[in-house]
Amino acid sequence: MDIGQKIRRYRKQNSLTLEELASRTELTKGFLSQLENDLTSPSIATLADITEALGVSLEQFFATDKDEQIVFKQNDFFIDEQEEYTIHWIVPNAQKNEMEPILIELLPQGTSFEINEHSGEEFGYVVKGRVALHLENHVLQLKKGETFYLKGNVAHKMTNNHSSQIAQVLWVSTPPIF
C-alpha cells in the first residue's frame, strides 16, 4: 500500500491544499509533502490525525479496494421466466447499486409485472418489437429504437398486445426495484 499516494488522493478529493491539511493536523507542509512523496512514514498517531482531518477512519483508509466486476457476459445473467415475460438481470446483484438494469422479453399478448408507485425514476429502450406502456389512464405506444423516461410516482406496466413477435426492452430503474 502506498500511504503517501492515498493521503494525496483523499486530500485532493476534499479539495484541500497541503497548507490547509497542515493547518488542520498541526503538522508542517514540508512533512506532509514528504509523506505524500513517500520520503518518510507517519506514526500511527500521526496517520490517525491526518485521516481524521481528511474525514475518513483508519479502517476506511486501510481498506483495500476490491476489484469490482465491470463487464458481464450472458453466463453472468440471472434469468426469471414467467408465463408472459422473461426477465434477464444483466448486472448481477444490482440491488446494491444506485440503478438496476434488466432486459425484459414480452411474449406476444404478454403483460409485464406492474410496478407500483415509488420514489425513483425509470428509463426504457425498446430493443426489439413494439410495446405499450400503461400509466394509470394513459397508454403510450413504443417501437424498436424508441425510449421512455418516467418518474415512479405512478403505477405502470408494459404489454405486447399488437405484435406476433417477442418484444425486448432494456429497462433501468433507480433506485433498484426489480
C-alpha atoms as a PDB file:
ATOM      1  CA  MET A   1       0.000   0.000   0.000  1.00  0.00           C
ATOM      2  CA  ASP A   2       1.249   3.415  -0.953  1.00  0.00           C
ATOM      3  CA  ILE A   3       0.275   5.532   2.073  1.00  0.00           C
ATOM      4  CA  GLY A   4       1.550   8.779   0.576  1.00  0.00           C
ATOM      5  CA  GLN A   5      -0.476   8.463  -2.619  1.00  0.00           C
ATOM      6  CA  LYS A   6      -3.580   7.567  -0.627  1.00  0.00           C
ATOM      7  CA  ILE A   7      -3.157  10.652   1.584  1.00  0.00           C
ATOM      8  CA  ARG A   8      -2.748  12.794  -1.547  1.00  0.00           C
ATOM      9  CA  ARG A   9      -5.847  11.233  -3.161  1.00  0.00           C
ATOM     10  CA  TYR A  10      -8.024  11.867  -0.080  1.00  0.00           C
ATOM     11  CA  ARG A  11      -6.631  15.393   0.274  1.00  0.00           C
ATOM     12  CA  LYS A  12      -7.496  16.217  -3.335  1.00  0.00           C
ATOM     13  CA  GLN A  13     -10.947  14.609  -3.009  1.00  0.00           C
ATOM     14  CA  ASN A  14     -11.548  17.033  -0.140  1.00  0.00           C
ATOM     15  CA  SER A  15     -10.214  19.939  -2.234  1.00  0.00           C
ATOM     16  CA  LEU A  16      -7.556  20.711   0.373  1.00  0.00           C
ATOM     17  CA  THR A  17      -4.157  22.228  -0.240  1.00  0.00           C
ATOM     18  CA  LEU A  18      -1.126  20.918   1.634  1.00  0.00           C
ATOM     19  CA  GLU A  19      -1.210  24.132   3.641  1.00  0.00           C
ATOM     20  CA  GLU A  20      -4.865  23.585   4.672  1.00  0.00           C
ATOM     21  CA  LEU A  21      -4.195  19.976   5.679  1.00  0.00           C
ATOM     22  CA  ALA A  22      -1.123  21.103   7.627  1.00  0.00           C
ATOM     23  CA  SER A  23      -3.230  23.636   9.494  1.00  0.00           C
ATOM     24  CA  ARG A  24      -5.898  21.042  10.341  1.00  0.00           C
ATOM     25  CA  THR A  25      -3.375  18.481  11.583  1.00  0.00           C
ATOM     26  CA  GLU A  26      -0.849  20.855  13.189  1.00  0.00           C
ATOM     27  CA  LEU A  27       1.841  19.255  11.017  1.00  0.00           C
ATOM     28  CA  THR A  28       4.165  21.112   8.684  1.00  0.00           C
ATOM     29  CA  LYS A  29       3.501  21.463   4.988  1.00  0.00           C
ATOM     30  CA  GLY A  30       7.008  20.066   4.341  1.00  0.00           C
ATOM     31  CA  PHE A  31       6.365  16.933   6.415  1.00  0.00           C
ATOM     32  CA  LEU A  32       3.069  16.291   4.606  1.00  0.00           C
ATOM     33  CA  SER A  33       4.792  16.772   1.260  1.00  0.00           C
ATOM     34  CA  GLN A  34       7.428  14.213   2.261  1.00  0.00           C
ATOM     35  CA  LEU A  35       4.647  11.814   3.296  1.00  0.00           C
ATOM     36  CA  GLU A  36       2.798  12.215   0.007  1.00  0.00           C
ATOM     37  CA  ASN A  37       6.053  11.603  -1.903  1.00  0.00           C
ATOM     38  CA  ASP A  38       6.875   8.547   0.260  1.00  0.00           C
ATOM     39  CA  LEU A  39      10.080  10.102   1.588  1.00  0.00           C
ATOM     40  CA  THR A  40       9.024   9.447   5.185  1.00  0.00           C
ATOM     41  CA  SER A  41       6.480   7.367   7.084  1.00  0.00           C
ATOM     42  CA  PRO A  42       3.998   8.614   9.689  1.00  0.00           C
ATOM     43  CA  SER A  43       3.475   7.151  13.122  1.00  0.00           C
ATOM     44  CA  ILE A  44       0.080   5.546  13.756  1.00  0.00           C
ATOM     45  CA  ALA A  45      -0.943   8.546  15.876  1.00  0.00           C
ATOM     46  CA  THR A  46       0.084  10.993  13.137  1.00  0.00           C
ATOM     47  CA  LEU A  47      -1.730   8.965  10.489  1.00  0.00           C
ATOM     48  CA  ALA A  48      -4.841   8.905  12.714  1.00  0.00           C
ATOM     49  CA  ASP A  49      -4.700  12.720  12.930  1.00  0.00           C
ATOM     50  CA  ILE A  50      -4.324  13.004   9.153  1.00  0.00           C
ATOM     51  CA  THR A  51      -7.186  10.619   8.363  1.00  0.00           C
ATOM     52  CA  GLU A  52      -9.438  12.404  10.854  1.00  0.00           C
ATOM     53  CA  ALA A  53      -8.672  15.714   9.126  1.00  0.00           C
ATOM     54  CA  LEU A  54      -9.479  14.051   5.795  1.00  0.00           C
ATOM     55  CA  GLY A  55     -12.811  12.739   7.075  1.00  0.00           C
ATOM     56  CA  VAL A  56     -12.014   9.020   6.881  1.00  0.00           C
ATOM     57  CA  SER A  57     -11.423   6.438   9.569  1.00  0.00           C
ATOM     58  CA  LEU A  58      -8.212   4.427   9.762  1.00  0.00           C
ATOM     59  CA  GLU A  59     -10.282   1.377   8.814  1.00  0.00           C
ATOM     60  CA  GLN A  60     -11.526   3.091   5.648  1.00  0.00           C
ATOM     61  CA  PHE A  61      -8.033   4.325   4.869  1.00  0.00           C
ATOM     62  CA  PHE A  62      -6.558   0.826   5.056  1.00  0.00           C
ATOM     63  CA  ALA A  63      -9.455  -0.945   3.376  1.00  0.00           C
ATOM     64  CA  THR A  64      -8.339  -2.471   0.125  1.00  0.00           C
ATOM     65  CA  ASP A  65     -10.231  -1.508  -2.964  1.00  0.00           C
ATOM     66  CA  LYS A  66     -11.923  -4.625  -4.268  1.00  0.00           C
ATOM     67  CA  ASP A  67     -11.880  -5.078  -7.990  1.00  0.00           C
ATOM     68  CA  GLU A  68     -15.498  -4.691  -8.979  1.00  0.00           C
ATOM     69  CA  GLN A  69     -16.734  -6.570 -11.978  1.00  0.00           C
ATOM     70  CA  ILE A  70     -17.259  -4.175 -14.861  1.00  0.00           C
ATOM     71  CA  VAL A  71     -18.045  -6.470 -17.772  1.00  0.00           C
ATOM     72  CA  PHE A  72     -20.845  -9.039 -17.570  1.00  0.00           C
ATOM     73  CA  LYS A  73     -21.373 -11.872 -20.014  1.00  0.00           C
ATOM     74  CA  GLN A  74     -24.558 -13.837 -20.670  1.00  0.00           C
ATOM     75  CA  ASN A  75     -23.496 -16.624 -18.301  1.00  0.00           C
ATOM     76  CA  ASP A  76     -23.429 -13.977 -15.504  1.00  0.00           C
ATOM     77  CA  PHE A  77     -27.104 -13.076 -16.079  1.00  0.00           C
ATOM     78  CA  PHE A  78     -29.865 -14.333 -13.819  1.00  0.00           C
ATOM     79  CA  ILE A  79     -32.971 -15.289 -15.781  1.00  0.00           C
ATOM     80  CA  ASP A  80     -36.509 -15.461 -14.413  1.00  0.00           C
ATOM     81  CA  GLU A  81     -39.003 -16.983 -16.853  1.00  0.00           C
ATOM     82  CA  GLN A  82     -42.667 -16.248 -16.248  1.00  0.00           C
ATOM     83  CA  GLU A  83     -45.712 -17.200 -18.289  1.00  0.00           C
ATOM     84  CA  GLU A  84     -45.950 -13.908 -20.226  1.00  0.00           C
ATOM     85  CA  TYR A  85     -42.439 -12.490 -19.897  1.00  0.00           C
ATOM     86  CA  THR A  86     -38.815 -13.287 -19.109  1.00  0.00           C
ATOM     87  CA  ILE A  87     -36.531 -11.037 -17.083  1.00  0.00           C
ATOM     88  CA  HIS A  88     -32.777 -11.078 -17.621  1.00  0.00           C
ATOM     89  CA  TRP A  89     -30.915  -9.434 -14.731  1.00  0.00           C
ATOM     90  CA  ILE A  90     -27.988  -8.269 -16.827  1.00  0.00           C
ATOM     91  CA  VAL A  91     -25.967  -6.863 -13.922  1.00  0.00           C
ATOM     92  CA  PRO A  92     -25.968  -9.466 -11.132  1.00  0.00           C
ATOM     93  CA  ASN A  93     -26.636  -8.161  -7.607  1.00  0.00           C
ATOM     94  CA  ALA A  94     -27.505  -4.706  -8.956  1.00  0.00           C
ATOM     95  CA  GLN A  95     -29.733  -4.137  -5.919  1.00  0.00           C
ATOM     96  CA  LYS A  96     -26.611  -2.888  -4.116  1.00  0.00           C
ATOM     97  CA  ASN A  97     -26.050  -0.243  -6.809  1.00  0.00           C
ATOM     98  CA  GLU A  98     -27.832   3.029  -7.431  1.00  0.00           C
ATOM     99  CA  MET A  99     -29.529   1.751 -10.563  1.00  0.00           C
ATOM    100  CA  GLU A 100     -30.707  -1.634 -11.771  1.00  0.00           C
ATOM    101  CA  PRO A 101     -30.891  -2.593 -15.446  1.00  0.00           C
ATOM    102  CA  ILE A 102     -32.893  -5.544 -16.723  1.00  0.00           C
ATOM    103  CA  LEU A 103     -33.721  -6.877 -20.151  1.00  0.00           C
ATOM    104  CA  ILE A 104     -37.367  -7.867 -20.301  1.00  0.00           C
ATOM    105  CA  GLU A 105     -38.793 -10.012 -23.049  1.00  0.00           C
ATOM    106  CA  LEU A 106     -42.553  -9.814 -23.516  1.00  0.00           C
ATOM    107  CA  LEU A 107     -44.215 -12.680 -25.360  1.00  0.00           C
ATOM    108  CA  PRO A 108     -46.947 -11.840 -27.886  1.00  0.00           C
ATOM    109  CA  GLN A 109     -50.068 -10.862 -25.910  1.00  0.00           C
ATOM    110  CA  GLY A 110     -47.831 -10.733 -22.813  1.00  0.00           C
ATOM    111  CA  THR A 111     -48.054  -8.320 -19.897  1.00  0.00           C
ATOM    112  CA  SER A 112     -45.184  -7.396 -17.610  1.00  0.00           C
ATOM    113  CA  PHE A 113     -45.365  -7.179 -13.860  1.00  0.00           C
ATOM    114  CA  GLU A 114     -46.914  -3.959 -12.578  1.00  0.00           C
ATOM    115  CA  ILE A 115     -44.638  -1.528 -10.806  1.00  0.00           C
ATOM    116  CA  ASN A 116     -46.350   0.376  -8.021  1.00  0.00           C
ATOM    117  CA  GLU A 117     -45.657   3.994  -7.173  1.00  0.00           C
ATOM    118  CA  HIS A 118     -42.128   4.545  -5.876  1.00  0.00           C
ATOM    119  CA  SER A 119     -39.744   7.437  -5.330  1.00  0.00           C
ATOM    120  CA  GLY A 120     -37.339   6.620  -8.142  1.00  0.00           C
ATOM    121  CA  GLU A 121     -37.081   7.077 -11.874  1.00  0.00           C
ATOM    122  CA  GLU A 122     -37.035   4.661 -14.793  1.00  0.00           C
ATOM    123  CA  PHE A 123     -35.681   4.550 -18.301  1.00  0.00           C
ATOM    124  CA  GLY A 124     -36.526   2.078 -21.045  1.00  0.00           C
ATOM    125  CA  TYR A 125     -35.233   1.401 -24.544  1.00  0.00           C
ATOM    126  CA  VAL A 126     -37.170  -0.823 -26.937  1.00  0.00           C
ATOM    127  CA  VAL A 127     -34.560  -3.168 -28.383  1.00  0.00           C
ATOM    128  CA  LYS A 128     -36.958  -5.283 -30.455  1.00  0.00           C
ATOM    129  CA  GLY A 129     -40.629  -5.219 -31.389  1.00  0.00           C
ATOM    130  CA  ARG A 130     -43.398  -2.957 -30.086  1.00  0.00           C
ATOM    131  CA  VAL A 131     -44.799  -2.400 -26.588  1.00  0.00           C
ATOM    132  CA  ALA A 132     -47.485  -0.362 -24.923  1.00  0.00           C
ATOM    133  CA  LEU A 133     -46.536   1.457 -21.724  1.00  0.00           C
ATOM    134  CA  HIS A 134     -49.548   1.721 -19.398  1.00  0.00           C
ATOM    135  CA  LEU A 135     -49.519   4.675 -16.956  1.00  0.00           C
ATOM    136  CA  GLU A 136     -52.782   4.767 -14.979  1.00  0.00           C
ATOM    137  CA  ASN A 137     -55.226   6.065 -17.652  1.00  0.00           C
ATOM    138  CA  HIS A 138     -52.641   6.639 -20.407  1.00  0.00           C
ATOM    139  CA  VAL A 139     -51.274   4.111 -22.890  1.00  0.00           C
ATOM    140  CA  LEU A 140     -48.161   5.071 -24.837  1.00  0.00           C
ATOM    141  CA  GLN A 141     -47.081   3.055 -27.884  1.00  0.00           C
ATOM    142  CA  LEU A 142     -43.361   2.469 -28.415  1.00  0.00           C
ATOM    143  CA  LYS A 143     -41.474   0.636 -31.138  1.00  0.00           C
ATOM    144  CA  LYS A 144     -37.906  -0.537 -31.705  1.00  0.00           C
ATOM    145  CA  GLY A 145     -35.406   2.278 -31.152  1.00  0.00           C
ATOM    146  CA  GLU A 146     -37.720   4.432 -29.015  1.00  0.00           C
ATOM    147  CA  THR A 147     -37.240   5.195 -25.332  1.00  0.00           C
ATOM    148  CA  PHE A 148     -39.239   6.203 -22.294  1.00  0.00           C
ATOM    149  CA  TYR A 149     -38.214   8.063 -19.159  1.00  0.00           C
ATOM    150  CA  LEU A 150     -40.586   8.410 -16.238  1.00  0.00           C
ATOM    151  CA  LYS A 151     -40.778   9.200 -12.569  1.00  0.00           C
ATOM    152  CA  GLY A 152     -42.040   6.381 -10.404  1.00  0.00           C
ATOM    153  CA  ASN A 153     -44.923   8.397  -8.939  1.00  0.00           C
ATOM    154  CA  VAL A 154     -47.483   6.452 -10.970  1.00  0.00           C
ATOM    155  CA  ALA A 155     -48.138   2.698 -11.233  1.00  0.00           C
ATOM    156  CA  HIS A 156     -47.186   1.284 -14.632  1.00  0.00           C
ATOM    157  CA  LYS A 157     -46.661  -1.835 -16.717  1.00  0.00           C
ATOM    158  CA  MET A 158     -45.944  -2.867 -20.315  1.00  0.00           C
ATOM    159  CA  THR A 159     -47.863  -5.048 -22.751  1.00  0.00           C
ATOM    160  CA  ASN A 160     -47.092  -6.622 -26.099  1.00  0.00           C
ATOM    161  CA  ASN A 161     -50.654  -6.795 -27.472  1.00  0.00           C
ATOM    162  CA  HIS A 162     -50.141  -5.533 -31.021  1.00  0.00           C
ATOM    163  CA  SER A 163     -47.431  -7.836 -32.305  1.00  0.00           C
ATOM    164  CA  SER A 164     -46.926 -11.508 -33.083  1.00  0.00           C
ATOM    165  CA  GLN A 165     -43.263 -11.374 -32.126  1.00  0.00           C
ATOM    166  CA  ILE A 166     -41.385 -11.145 -28.854  1.00  0.00           C
ATOM    167  CA  ALA A 167     -40.623  -7.596 -27.711  1.00  0.00           C
ATOM    168  CA  GLN A 168     -37.428  -6.757 -25.805  1.00  0.00           C
ATOM    169  CA  VAL A 169     -36.968  -3.716 -23.590  1.00  0.00           C
ATOM    170  CA  LEU A 170     -33.856  -2.631 -21.743  1.00  0.00           C
ATOM    171  CA  TRP A 171     -35.360  -1.220 -18.541  1.00  0.00           C
ATOM    172  CA  VAL A 172     -33.319   0.692 -15.950  1.00  0.00           C
ATOM    173  CA  SER A 173     -34.601   1.736 -12.537  1.00  0.00           C
ATOM    174  CA  THR A 174     -33.089   3.966  -9.913  1.00  0.00           C
ATOM    175  CA  PRO A 175     -33.107   3.045  -7.117  1.00  0.00           C
ATOM    176  CA  PRO A 176     -33.315  -0.704  -7.802  1.00  0.00           C
ATOM    177  CA  ILE A 177     -36.897  -2.037  -7.629  1.00  0.00           C
ATOM    178  CA  PHE A 178     -36.966  -5.172  -9.775  1.00  0.00           C
END
